[in-house]
Amino acid sequence: MKFRPINSPSPLTALLHVHAVLAAAVLLLSTSQVVVPVWASPTDFIPCSDPCSGGDVNYELTASIRTMPMQAIEPGGHEKRDYTYRGRTYSTETENHHGFMGPTLRVSPGQSLWIKLRNTMGLEEEDSESGKLGPADVTIEDYWRMLQNPGEKIKYQYYKKTVDDPSKMIVDEPNIPHAFDSTNLHLHGLDVEVHMFDPVGTRNPLAPHISIDPGECYCYRFNVPHDHPGGMYWYHPHLHGSTAIQMWGGMLGLLYVEGPLEDELASFGVTLSEEFVIWDPALRMVDDHNGTRHNLEVDEFLMGQTTLSKIHPFLVNGKLTPNFDVGVGEILHLRTLCGIVENEN
């Protein structure tokens, strides 16, 4: 808090001024309303016309719903099948026409990184013949029904006693799956500002979680330290209640902090480097008639979380069995990311 200068140097005047300030503070604390202090940071939500381009490096990500080709194992079989998948993604028609991953971001130590996140999820559906994209929000009754008859050997088997009525269950409301078209952004592994709460970098314990709804835009402002380790990192949503559905849908991408590793490897003769991104979509078949033009979507949350989804592959770079070409005597350097939601398959 900044104090206004006192005109008189008298100690008595200074003492009276401090008492007045303390009295005002007590008055504010005694009121029933929460008073927002004048020094609070402004929000980082922006008009979507704002370019959010004041960093040394600037990117724009768009969270959208897209239809794209995908390969997976047929339910109950062992044969590969080509599907048409519709889901939530950072990828775009121009930058990654056939892939699920968002654009690769690059930054150097010591640079400022600004990222504009635009959320158009759900807005495209107004003009779509396919209708609203699932799955449905999860209710406490859904959990309760799963507990009554867990079925296959899944994590619910650890609940030995069933509950006779869903009203007796304790509900963690912020984390129950919901609002799958609302999102935010997390830079996984980077040593940067805290960015789960609005605005980025806030230390206000009452600050709200960043939740970017359809039609909204947010300007993330990061400062990468000068001594930040180089390497491959990644980004993904981290909004409680929608993260798993969005990541099963393919909302992730790579972020590189430039460093000396490639040059060091080259000094040892290692010049062949490939990305090896593991992803575990939890999917379900849908009818490909009535103009939907796709036959695969993300499965219901409780099916995916319990590994009961009938199409739950582990893909590498979006493929079931990708090939890597390596010459005789050549060393292959794999930059590996385990970007999965579940690990029980």
Protein backbone atom coordinates (compact mmCIF):
# COMPACT_ATOMS: atom_id res chain seq x y z
CA MET A 1 0.00 0.00 0.00
CA LYS A 2 1.32 3.43 -0.90
CA PHE A 3 0.93 6.24 1.71
CA ARG A 4 0.38 9.84 0.65
CA PRO A 5 3.26 12.16 1.75
CA ILE A 6 2.58 14.21 4.87
CA ASN A 7 3.08 17.93 4.43
CA SER A 8 3.96 18.72 8.06
CA PRO A 9 7.08 17.16 9.60
CA SER A 10 5.41 17.16 13.04
CA PRO A 11 5.57 13.71 14.76
CA LEU A 12 2.06 14.30 16.15
CA THR A 13 0.69 14.87 12.64
CA ALA A 14 2.38 11.70 11.39
CA LEU A 15 0.96 9.69 14.30
CA LEU A 16 -2.56 10.98 13.68
CA HIS A 17 -2.24 10.07 9.97
CA VAL A 18 -1.22 6.48 10.77
CA HIS A 19 -4.15 6.15 13.18
CA ALA A 20 -6.52 7.36 10.46
CA VAL A 21 -5.17 4.82 8.00
CA LEU A 22 -5.54 1.98 10.53
CA ALA A 23 -9.07 3.08 11.38
CA ALA A 24 -9.99 3.03 7.71
CA ALA A 25 -8.53 -0.46 7.34
CA VAL A 26 -10.56 -1.72 10.32
CA LEU A 27 -13.69 -0.17 8.84
CA LEU A 28 -13.14 -2.00 5.55
CA LEU A 29 -12.56 -5.32 7.33
CA SER A 30 -15.69 -4.90 9.44
CA THR A 31 -18.03 -4.52 6.48
CA SER A 32 -19.94 -7.51 5.16
CA GLN A 33 -18.92 -6.87 1.54
CA VAL A 34 -15.64 -8.01 0.00
CA VAL A 35 -13.76 -4.88 -1.03
CA VAL A 36 -11.46 -5.28 -4.04
CA PRO A 37 -8.26 -3.30 -3.31
CA VAL A 38 -7.30 -0.61 -5.78
CA TRP A 39 -3.88 -2.23 -6.31
CA ALA A 40 -5.36 -5.53 -7.57
CA SER A 41 -4.08 -6.60 -10.99
CA PRO A 42 -6.48 -6.38 -13.94
CA THR A 43 -7.75 -9.48 -15.67
CA ASP A 44 -5.95 -10.95 -18.69
CA PHE A 45 -9.20 -11.59 -20.60
CA ILE A 46 -9.06 -9.50 -23.76
CA PRO A 47 -11.36 -8.57 -26.65
CA CYS A 48 -10.75 -11.09 -29.42
CA SER A 49 -9.76 -8.17 -31.66
CA ASP A 50 -6.72 -7.56 -29.39
CA PRO A 51 -3.64 -9.19 -30.99
CA CYS A 52 -1.89 -9.92 -27.66
CA SER A 53 1.45 -9.43 -29.41
CA GLY A 54 3.67 -7.52 -26.98
CA GLY A 55 6.15 -10.32 -26.29
CA ASP A 56 9.52 -11.12 -27.82
CA VAL A 57 7.76 -14.21 -29.18
CA ASN A 58 4.01 -14.22 -29.89
CA TYR A 59 1.62 -17.04 -30.76
CA GLU A 60 -2.11 -17.48 -31.17
CA LEU A 61 -3.76 -20.78 -30.29
CA THR A 62 -7.34 -21.61 -31.21
CA ALA A 63 -9.30 -24.23 -29.28
CA SER A 64 -11.82 -25.58 -31.78
CA ILE A 65 -13.81 -28.63 -32.85
CA ARG A 66 -12.49 -30.33 -35.98
CA THR A 67 -13.11 -33.42 -38.06
CA MET A 68 -10.01 -35.35 -39.15
CA PRO A 69 -8.84 -38.85 -40.16
CA MET A 70 -7.67 -41.25 -37.44
CA GLN A 71 -6.48 -44.84 -37.35
CA ALA A 72 -7.39 -47.24 -34.51
CA ILE A 73 -8.00 -50.92 -33.78
CA GLU A 74 -11.50 -52.16 -34.50
CA PRO A 75 -13.52 -52.81 -31.27
CA GLY A 76 -13.13 -56.43 -30.22
CA GLY A 77 -10.65 -57.11 -33.02
CA HIS A 78 -7.02 -56.75 -33.97
CA GLU A 79 -7.30 -55.07 -37.36
CA LYS A 80 -6.47 -51.47 -38.07
CA ARG A 81 -9.29 -49.35 -39.33
CA ASP A 82 -9.44 -45.87 -40.78
CA TYR A 83 -11.96 -43.67 -38.98
CA THR A 84 -13.19 -40.11 -39.29
CA TYR A 85 -12.79 -38.46 -35.90
CA ARG A 86 -14.50 -35.32 -34.59
CA GLY A 87 -13.14 -33.70 -31.45
CA ARG A 88 -11.66 -30.78 -29.56
CA THR A 89 -8.18 -29.73 -30.63
CA TYR A 90 -5.62 -26.93 -30.98
CA SER A 91 -4.77 -28.07 -34.50
CA THR A 92 -5.91 -26.13 -37.53
CA GLU A 93 -6.72 -26.95 -41.13
CA THR A 94 -3.76 -24.92 -42.38
CA GLU A 95 -1.05 -25.95 -39.88
CA ASN A 96 -1.86 -29.62 -39.20
CA HIS A 97 -4.54 -30.75 -41.63
CA HIS A 98 -4.30 -34.47 -40.81
CA GLY A 99 -3.07 -34.34 -37.21
CA PHE A 100 -4.54 -33.80 -33.77
CA MET A 101 -1.67 -31.84 -32.18
CA GLY A 102 -1.51 -28.10 -31.95
CA PRO A 103 1.28 -26.00 -33.48
CA THR A 104 4.80 -26.36 -32.06
CA LEU A 105 5.88 -23.28 -30.08
CA ARG A 106 9.51 -22.14 -29.70
CA VAL A 107 11.12 -19.66 -27.32
CA SER A 108 14.64 -18.92 -26.07
CA PRO A 109 15.79 -18.34 -22.48
CA GLY A 110 15.42 -14.72 -21.47
CA GLN A 111 12.57 -14.01 -23.89
CA SER A 112 9.02 -12.96 -23.09
CA LEU A 113 6.37 -15.28 -24.53
CA TRP A 114 2.83 -14.04 -25.15
CA ILE A 115 0.12 -16.52 -26.15
CA LYS A 116 -3.37 -15.52 -27.21
CA LEU A 117 -5.84 -18.33 -26.61
CA ARG A 118 -9.07 -18.06 -28.61
CA ASN A 119 -11.90 -20.45 -27.73
CA THR A 120 -14.28 -21.26 -30.59
CA MET A 121 -15.38 -24.67 -29.28
CA GLY A 122 -19.12 -25.06 -29.61
CA LEU A 123 -19.49 -21.97 -31.81
CA GLU A 124 -18.86 -24.04 -34.95
CA GLU A 125 -21.75 -26.32 -34.00
CA GLU A 126 -24.31 -23.65 -34.74
CA ASP A 127 -23.65 -24.18 -38.45
CA SER A 128 -22.77 -27.88 -38.23
CA GLU A 129 -24.90 -30.75 -39.48
CA SER A 130 -23.34 -32.98 -36.83
CA GLY A 131 -24.99 -31.26 -33.86
CA LYS A 132 -23.50 -30.67 -30.41
CA LEU A 133 -20.37 -32.66 -29.65
CA GLY A 134 -20.52 -34.96 -26.61
CA PRO A 135 -19.95 -36.37 -24.16
CA ALA A 136 -22.58 -35.34 -21.64
CA ASP A 137 -21.71 -33.73 -18.30
CA VAL A 138 -21.33 -36.24 -15.47
CA THR A 139 -23.76 -36.31 -12.53
CA ILE A 140 -23.40 -37.81 -9.08
CA GLU A 141 -26.06 -40.35 -10.11
CA ASP A 142 -23.73 -41.51 -12.90
CA TYR A 143 -20.98 -42.21 -10.37
CA TRP A 144 -23.45 -43.94 -8.07
CA ARG A 145 -24.70 -46.27 -10.81
CA MET A 146 -21.12 -47.20 -11.69
CA LEU A 147 -20.43 -48.09 -8.05
CA GLN A 148 -23.41 -50.45 -7.90
CA ASN A 149 -22.07 -52.62 -10.70
CA PRO A 150 -18.48 -51.80 -11.59
CA GLY A 151 -18.35 -54.51 -14.24
CA GLU A 152 -14.84 -55.25 -15.43
CA LYS A 153 -11.86 -54.99 -13.07
CA ILE A 154 -11.51 -51.23 -12.83
CA LYS A 155 -10.57 -48.69 -10.20
CA TYR A 156 -14.10 -48.73 -8.73
CA GLN A 157 -13.43 -52.21 -7.38
CA TYR A 158 -11.54 -50.52 -4.54
CA TYR A 159 -14.86 -49.21 -3.19
CA LYS A 160 -15.80 -52.34 -1.26
CA LYS A 161 -19.07 -51.00 0.17
CA THR A 162 -21.78 -49.67 -2.09
CA VAL A 163 -23.80 -46.61 -1.13
CA ASP A 164 -27.56 -47.16 -1.07
CA ASP A 165 -28.44 -43.63 -2.22
CA PRO A 166 -26.49 -41.04 -4.27
CA SER A 167 -27.54 -38.28 -1.86
CA LYS A 168 -25.19 -39.81 0.73
CA MET A 169 -22.14 -39.32 -1.48
CA ILE A 170 -19.78 -36.40 -0.94
CA VAL A 171 -19.44 -34.38 -4.14
CA ASP A 172 -16.30 -32.46 -5.10
CA GLU A 173 -18.24 -29.99 -7.23
CA PRO A 174 -15.34 -28.13 -8.95
CA ASN A 175 -13.83 -31.40 -10.15
CA ILE A 176 -16.92 -33.28 -11.28
CA PRO A 177 -16.67 -33.46 -15.11
CA HIS A 178 -18.59 -30.61 -16.76
CA ALA A 179 -18.34 -27.65 -19.16
CA PHE A 180 -16.26 -29.49 -21.75
CA ASP A 181 -16.18 -26.49 -24.10
CA SER A 182 -14.59 -24.20 -21.49
CA THR A 183 -10.82 -24.30 -21.25
CA ASN A 184 -7.52 -22.67 -20.29
CA LEU A 185 -3.80 -23.23 -20.93
CA HIS A 186 -0.96 -24.82 -18.96
CA LEU A 187 2.71 -24.80 -20.01
CA HIS A 188 3.82 -28.14 -18.59
CA GLY A 189 7.29 -28.21 -17.06
CA LEU A 190 8.27 -24.60 -17.69
CA ASP A 191 9.64 -22.47 -14.86
CA VAL A 192 7.37 -19.50 -15.50
CA GLU A 193 4.66 -17.46 -13.80
CA VAL A 194 1.82 -19.22 -11.99
CA HIS A 195 -0.93 -19.36 -14.61
CA MET A 196 -3.84 -21.35 -13.21
CA PHE A 197 -5.53 -18.22 -11.86
CA ASP A 198 -6.66 -14.91 -13.31
CA PRO A 199 -4.59 -12.86 -13.97
CA VAL A 200 -1.40 -14.77 -14.80
CA GLY A 201 1.13 -14.36 -11.97
CA THR A 202 -1.41 -13.36 -9.32
CA ARG A 203 -0.73 -14.23 -5.68
CA ASN A 204 -4.25 -13.41 -4.58
CA PRO A 205 -5.61 -16.50 -2.75
CA LEU A 206 -9.15 -15.53 -3.78
CA ALA A 207 -8.36 -15.25 -7.48
CA PRO A 208 -10.63 -17.36 -9.72
CA HIS A 209 -9.42 -20.19 -11.92
CA ILE A 210 -8.99 -19.10 -15.51
CA SER A 211 -11.99 -20.43 -17.43
CA ILE A 212 -12.20 -19.30 -21.05
CA ASP A 213 -15.71 -19.89 -22.41
CA PRO A 214 -16.69 -20.23 -26.07
CA GLY A 215 -16.31 -16.91 -27.83
CA GLU A 216 -13.77 -15.56 -25.32
CA CYS A 217 -10.05 -14.79 -25.66
CA TYR A 218 -7.25 -14.63 -23.09
CA CYS A 219 -3.74 -13.15 -23.26
CA TYR A 220 -1.12 -15.23 -21.45
CA ARG A 221 2.11 -13.31 -20.72
CA PHE A 222 5.17 -15.31 -19.66
CA ASN A 223 8.79 -14.43 -18.95
CA VAL A 224 11.21 -17.30 -19.58
CA PRO A 225 14.21 -17.01 -17.22
CA HIS A 226 17.66 -16.40 -18.70
CA ASP A 227 18.93 -19.63 -17.12
CA HIS A 228 15.94 -21.79 -18.14
CA PRO A 229 16.98 -25.32 -19.22
CA GLY A 230 16.55 -26.01 -22.90
CA GLY A 231 14.51 -28.96 -24.11
CA MET A 232 11.11 -30.20 -25.20
CA TYR A 233 8.11 -29.25 -23.06
CA TRP A 234 4.39 -29.32 -23.82
CA TYR A 235 1.17 -27.43 -23.36
CA HIS A 236 -2.37 -28.60 -22.61
CA PRO A 237 -5.59 -27.44 -20.91
CA HIS A 238 -5.78 -27.59 -17.13
CA LEU A 239 -9.31 -26.46 -16.22
CA HIS A 240 -10.72 -28.65 -13.47
CA GLY A 241 -13.77 -30.49 -14.78
CA SER A 242 -12.88 -30.53 -18.48
CA THR A 243 -9.17 -31.44 -18.75
CA ALA A 244 -9.48 -35.21 -19.29
CA ILE A 245 -12.14 -34.95 -22.00
CA GLN A 246 -10.17 -32.29 -23.85
CA MET A 247 -6.87 -34.20 -23.66
CA TRP A 248 -8.51 -37.46 -24.76
CA GLY A 249 -9.73 -35.37 -27.66
CA GLY A 250 -6.19 -34.29 -28.57
CA MET A 251 -5.77 -30.84 -27.03
CA LEU A 252 -2.00 -30.80 -26.60
CA GLY A 253 1.08 -29.50 -28.36
CA LEU A 254 4.85 -29.23 -28.05
CA LEU A 255 6.89 -26.28 -26.81
CA TYR A 256 10.65 -26.05 -27.23
CA VAL A 257 12.99 -23.90 -25.16
CA GLU A 258 16.05 -23.49 -27.37
CA GLY A 259 19.28 -24.82 -25.89
CA PRO A 260 22.65 -26.38 -26.69
CA LEU A 261 21.55 -30.04 -26.74
CA GLU A 262 21.30 -30.43 -30.52
CA ASP A 263 24.79 -29.00 -31.02
CA GLU A 264 26.19 -31.21 -28.27
CA LEU A 265 24.63 -34.31 -29.83
CA ALA A 266 25.94 -33.35 -33.24
CA SER A 267 29.47 -33.12 -31.79
CA PHE A 268 29.13 -36.83 -31.02
CA GLY A 269 27.77 -37.62 -34.46
CA VAL A 270 24.09 -37.79 -33.44
CA THR A 271 22.18 -35.79 -36.03
CA LEU A 272 18.97 -37.79 -36.48
CA SER A 273 16.28 -36.63 -34.05
CA GLU A 274 12.57 -37.50 -34.03
CA GLU A 275 9.60 -36.68 -31.79
CA PHE A 276 7.91 -39.61 -30.02
CA VAL A 277 4.59 -38.36 -28.60
CA ILE A 278 2.43 -40.93 -26.78
CA TRP A 279 -1.30 -40.14 -26.58
CA ASP A 280 -4.18 -42.26 -25.25
CA PRO A 281 -7.53 -41.16 -26.73
CA ALA A 282 -10.61 -42.76 -25.16
CA LEU A 283 -13.09 -43.10 -28.03
CA ARG A 284 -16.47 -44.50 -29.00
CA MET A 285 -18.19 -45.31 -32.26
CA VAL A 286 -21.05 -43.07 -33.36
CA ASP A 287 -23.52 -43.48 -36.20
CA ASP A 288 -22.07 -42.08 -39.41
CA HIS A 289 -25.43 -41.30 -40.97
CA ASN A 290 -27.79 -38.34 -41.03
CA GLY A 291 -25.02 -36.12 -42.34
CA THR A 292 -22.65 -36.46 -39.35
CA ARG A 293 -19.74 -37.28 -41.69
CA HIS A 294 -17.73 -38.80 -38.83
CA ASN A 295 -17.88 -42.09 -36.90
CA LEU A 296 -15.59 -41.55 -33.90
CA GLU A 297 -15.82 -39.26 -30.86
CA VAL A 298 -14.43 -39.05 -27.32
CA ASP A 299 -16.22 -41.53 -25.07
CA GLU A 300 -18.29 -40.75 -21.96
CA PHE A 301 -16.00 -39.63 -19.12
CA LEU A 302 -16.68 -42.56 -16.78
CA MET A 303 -15.98 -45.05 -19.56
CA GLY A 304 -12.65 -43.45 -20.40
CA GLN A 305 -11.60 -42.96 -16.78
CA THR A 306 -12.28 -46.59 -15.94
CA THR A 307 -10.60 -47.87 -19.13
CA LEU A 308 -13.85 -49.43 -20.30
CA SER A 309 -13.82 -47.54 -23.59
CA LYS A 310 -13.78 -50.10 -26.40
CA ILE A 311 -11.45 -47.92 -28.49
CA HIS A 312 -8.64 -46.80 -26.18
CA PRO A 313 -5.38 -47.07 -28.11
CA PHE A 314 -1.94 -45.79 -27.22
CA LEU A 315 -0.89 -43.83 -30.30
CA VAL A 316 2.59 -42.54 -31.15
CA ASN A 317 2.57 -39.33 -33.17
CA GLY A 318 -1.11 -40.01 -33.82
CA LYS A 319 -0.45 -43.44 -35.35
CA LEU A 320 -0.78 -47.03 -34.13
CA THR A 321 2.56 -48.25 -35.45
CA PRO A 322 4.66 -45.42 -36.86
CA ASN A 323 7.89 -46.12 -38.72
CA PHE A 324 11.22 -44.41 -38.08
CA ASP A 325 13.89 -44.66 -40.76
CA VAL A 326 17.38 -45.24 -39.33
CA GLY A 327 20.49 -46.05 -41.33
CA VAL A 328 22.98 -48.79 -40.46
CA GLY A 329 25.27 -47.53 -37.70
CA GLU A 330 23.17 -44.41 -37.24
CA ILE A 331 21.94 -43.27 -33.80
CA LEU A 332 18.35 -42.13 -33.44
CA HIS A 333 17.63 -39.53 -30.77
CA LEU A 334 13.98 -39.72 -29.66
CA ARG A 335 12.42 -36.68 -27.99
CA THR A 336 9.72 -38.44 -25.99
CA LEU A 337 6.52 -37.09 -24.43
CA CYS A 338 4.11 -39.27 -22.44
CA GLY A 339 1.04 -37.08 -22.92
CA ILE A 340 -1.55 -39.51 -21.60
CA VAL A 341 -4.50 -39.17 -19.24
CA GLU A 342 -4.79 -42.75 -17.94
CA ASN A 343 -2.15 -45.46 -17.55
CA GLU A 344 -4.16 -48.55 -16.58
CA ASN A 345 -4.52 -50.28 -19.96
